[in-house]
Amino acid sequence: MGSAASSGDQAANQSASGSGPQIQFGNVQGPVQTTIGLLAGDLADQLIAEARKTGELETQLDSVTDERDELIKTVALMQATAARI
């Protein structure tokens, strides 16, 4: 029984080229565990990629917000200058 479990673990720990991390599920062994692990790993990679995109968008939004704030200050300054003239 120990050797059957270890061979299942070995199959689950084998990685396909280009695949992400594998996640193991309880008593499922062999090719089924490997397939589930690869699919879960690929899903995890996709979620990480989406999180990075979200982070990049948040950074861009912060930059645009800063630029907008600067433009508002500049317009207010121009209006104040125009009011004096």
C-alpha atoms as a PDB file:
ATOM      1  CA  MET A   1       0.000   0.000   0.000  1.00  0.00           C
ATOM      2  CA  GLY A   2       2.853   2.339   0.775  1.00  0.00           C
ATOM      3  CA  SER A   3       4.412   1.802  -2.647  1.00  0.00           C
ATOM      4  CA  ALA A   4       1.082   2.424  -4.422  1.00  0.00           C
ATOM      5  CA  ALA A   5       0.666   5.717  -2.582  1.00  0.00           C
ATOM      6  CA  SER A   6       4.237   6.765  -3.303  1.00  0.00           C
ATOM      7  CA  SER A   7       3.903   5.962  -7.018  1.00  0.00           C
ATOM      8  CA  GLY A   8       0.708   8.065  -7.083  1.00  0.00           C
ATOM      9  CA  ASP A   9       2.556  10.882  -5.384  1.00  0.00           C
ATOM     10  CA  GLN A  10       5.356  10.595  -7.913  1.00  0.00           C
ATOM     11  CA  ALA A  11       2.891  10.781 -10.800  1.00  0.00           C
ATOM     12  CA  ALA A  12       1.216  13.791  -9.210  1.00  0.00           C
ATOM     13  CA  ASN A  13       4.537  15.552  -8.764  1.00  0.00           C
ATOM     14  CA  GLN A  14       5.639  15.139 -12.370  1.00  0.00           C
ATOM     15  CA  SER A  15       5.294  18.389 -14.246  1.00  0.00           C
ATOM     16  CA  ALA A  16       4.370  18.953 -17.864  1.00  0.00           C
ATOM     17  CA  SER A  17       6.405  21.512 -19.773  1.00  0.00           C
ATOM     18  CA  GLY A  18       5.030  25.010 -19.372  1.00  0.00           C
ATOM     19  CA  SER A  19       2.550  24.034 -16.685  1.00  0.00           C
ATOM     20  CA  GLY A  20       2.182  25.781 -13.379  1.00  0.00           C
ATOM     21  CA  PRO A  21       2.305  24.317  -9.906  1.00  0.00           C
ATOM     22  CA  GLN A  22       0.389  21.140  -9.205  1.00  0.00           C
ATOM     23  CA  ILE A  23      -2.098  20.881  -6.379  1.00  0.00           C
ATOM     24  CA  GLN A  24      -2.776  17.477  -4.821  1.00  0.00           C
ATOM     25  CA  PHE A  25      -6.252  16.312  -3.812  1.00  0.00           C
ATOM     26  CA  GLY A  26      -6.664  13.839  -0.938  1.00  0.00           C
ATOM     27  CA  ASN A  27      -6.791  10.162  -1.860  1.00  0.00           C
ATOM     28  CA  VAL A  28      -7.039  10.627  -5.637  1.00  0.00           C
ATOM     29  CA  GLN A  29      -3.999   8.963  -7.200  1.00  0.00           C
ATOM     30  CA  GLY A  30      -2.241   8.401 -10.485  1.00  0.00           C
ATOM     31  CA  PRO A  31      -3.213  10.030 -13.790  1.00  0.00           C
ATOM     32  CA  VAL A  32      -6.435  11.485 -12.370  1.00  0.00           C
ATOM     33  CA  GLN A  33      -4.519  13.265  -9.609  1.00  0.00           C
ATOM     34  CA  THR A  34      -1.937  14.463 -12.122  1.00  0.00           C
ATOM     35  CA  THR A  35      -4.649  15.833 -14.430  1.00  0.00           C
ATOM     36  CA  ILE A  36      -6.520  17.533 -11.591  1.00  0.00           C
ATOM     37  CA  GLY A  37      -3.239  18.940 -10.258  1.00  0.00           C
ATOM     38  CA  LEU A  38      -2.227  20.306 -13.656  1.00  0.00           C
ATOM     39  CA  LEU A  39      -5.647  21.882 -14.228  1.00  0.00           C
ATOM     40  CA  ALA A  40      -5.637  23.423 -10.765  1.00  0.00           C
ATOM     41  CA  GLY A  41      -2.088  24.679 -11.321  1.00  0.00           C
ATOM     42  CA  ASP A  42      -3.054  26.234 -14.653  1.00  0.00           C
ATOM     43  CA  LEU A  43      -6.072  27.877 -13.030  1.00  0.00           C
ATOM     44  CA  ALA A  44      -3.836  29.230 -10.268  1.00  0.00           C
ATOM     45  CA  ASP A  45      -1.477  30.658 -12.918  1.00  0.00           C
ATOM     46  CA  GLN A  46      -4.416  32.350 -14.655  1.00  0.00           C
ATOM     47  CA  LEU A  47      -5.640  33.840 -11.385  1.00  0.00           C
ATOM     48  CA  ILE A  48      -2.159  35.147 -10.616  1.00  0.00           C
ATOM     49  CA  ALA A  49      -1.943  36.700 -14.101  1.00  0.00           C
ATOM     50  CA  GLU A  50      -5.320  38.395 -13.632  1.00  0.00           C
ATOM     51  CA  ALA A  51      -4.245  39.690 -10.226  1.00  0.00           C
ATOM     52  CA  ARG A  52      -1.101  41.155 -11.789  1.00  0.00           C
ATOM     53  CA  LYS A  53      -3.194  42.836 -14.509  1.00  0.00           C
ATOM     54  CA  THR A  54      -5.450  44.255 -11.810  1.00  0.00           C
ATOM     55  CA  GLY A  55      -2.412  45.570  -9.951  1.00  0.00           C
ATOM     56  CA  GLU A  56      -1.073  47.168 -13.132  1.00  0.00           C
ATOM     57  CA  LEU A  57      -4.464  48.785 -13.797  1.00  0.00           C
ATOM     58  CA  GLU A  58      -4.569  50.127 -10.235  1.00  0.00           C
ATOM     59  CA  THR A  59      -1.110  51.628 -10.729  1.00  0.00           C
ATOM     60  CA  GLN A  60      -2.205  53.240 -14.004  1.00  0.00           C
ATOM     61  CA  LEU A  61      -5.368  54.551 -12.349  1.00  0.00           C
ATOM     62  CA  ASP A  62      -3.299  56.091  -9.552  1.00  0.00           C
ATOM     63  CA  SER A  63      -1.074  57.768 -12.143  1.00  0.00           C
ATOM     64  CA  VAL A  64      -4.038  59.148 -14.087  1.00  0.00           C
ATOM     65  CA  THR A  65      -5.651  60.355 -10.859  1.00  0.00           C
ATOM     66  CA  ASP A  66      -2.442  62.177  -9.907  1.00  0.00           C
ATOM     67  CA  GLU A  67      -2.281  63.812 -13.340  1.00  0.00           C
ATOM     68  CA  ARG A  68      -5.939  64.831 -13.066  1.00  0.00           C
ATOM     69  CA  ASP A  69      -5.287  66.405  -9.668  1.00  0.00           C
ATOM     70  CA  GLU A  70      -2.368  68.372 -11.115  1.00  0.00           C
ATOM     71  CA  LEU A  71      -4.539  69.585 -14.001  1.00  0.00           C
ATOM     72  CA  ILE A  72      -7.249  70.691 -11.565  1.00  0.00           C
ATOM     73  CA  LYS A  73      -4.648  72.692  -9.599  1.00  0.00           C
ATOM     74  CA  THR A  74      -3.292  74.229 -12.794  1.00  0.00           C
ATOM     75  CA  VAL A  75      -6.783  75.236 -14.002  1.00  0.00           C
ATOM     76  CA  ALA A  76      -7.586  76.738 -10.585  1.00  0.00           C
ATOM     77  CA  LEU A  77      -4.347  78.711 -10.683  1.00  0.00           C
ATOM     78  CA  MET A  78      -5.106  79.935 -14.216  1.00  0.00           C
ATOM     79  CA  GLN A  79      -8.620  80.977 -13.147  1.00  0.00           C
ATOM     80  CA  ALA A  80      -7.247  82.859 -10.153  1.00  0.00           C
ATOM     81  CA  THR A  81      -4.688  84.596 -12.378  1.00  0.00           C
ATOM     82  CA  ALA A  82      -7.364  85.468 -14.948  1.00  0.00           C
ATOM     83  CA  ALA A  83      -9.603  86.887 -12.224  1.00  0.00           C
ATOM     84  CA  ARG A  84      -6.824  89.272 -11.145  1.00  0.00           C
ATOM     85  CA  ILE A  85      -6.295  90.573 -14.658  1.00  0.00           C
END
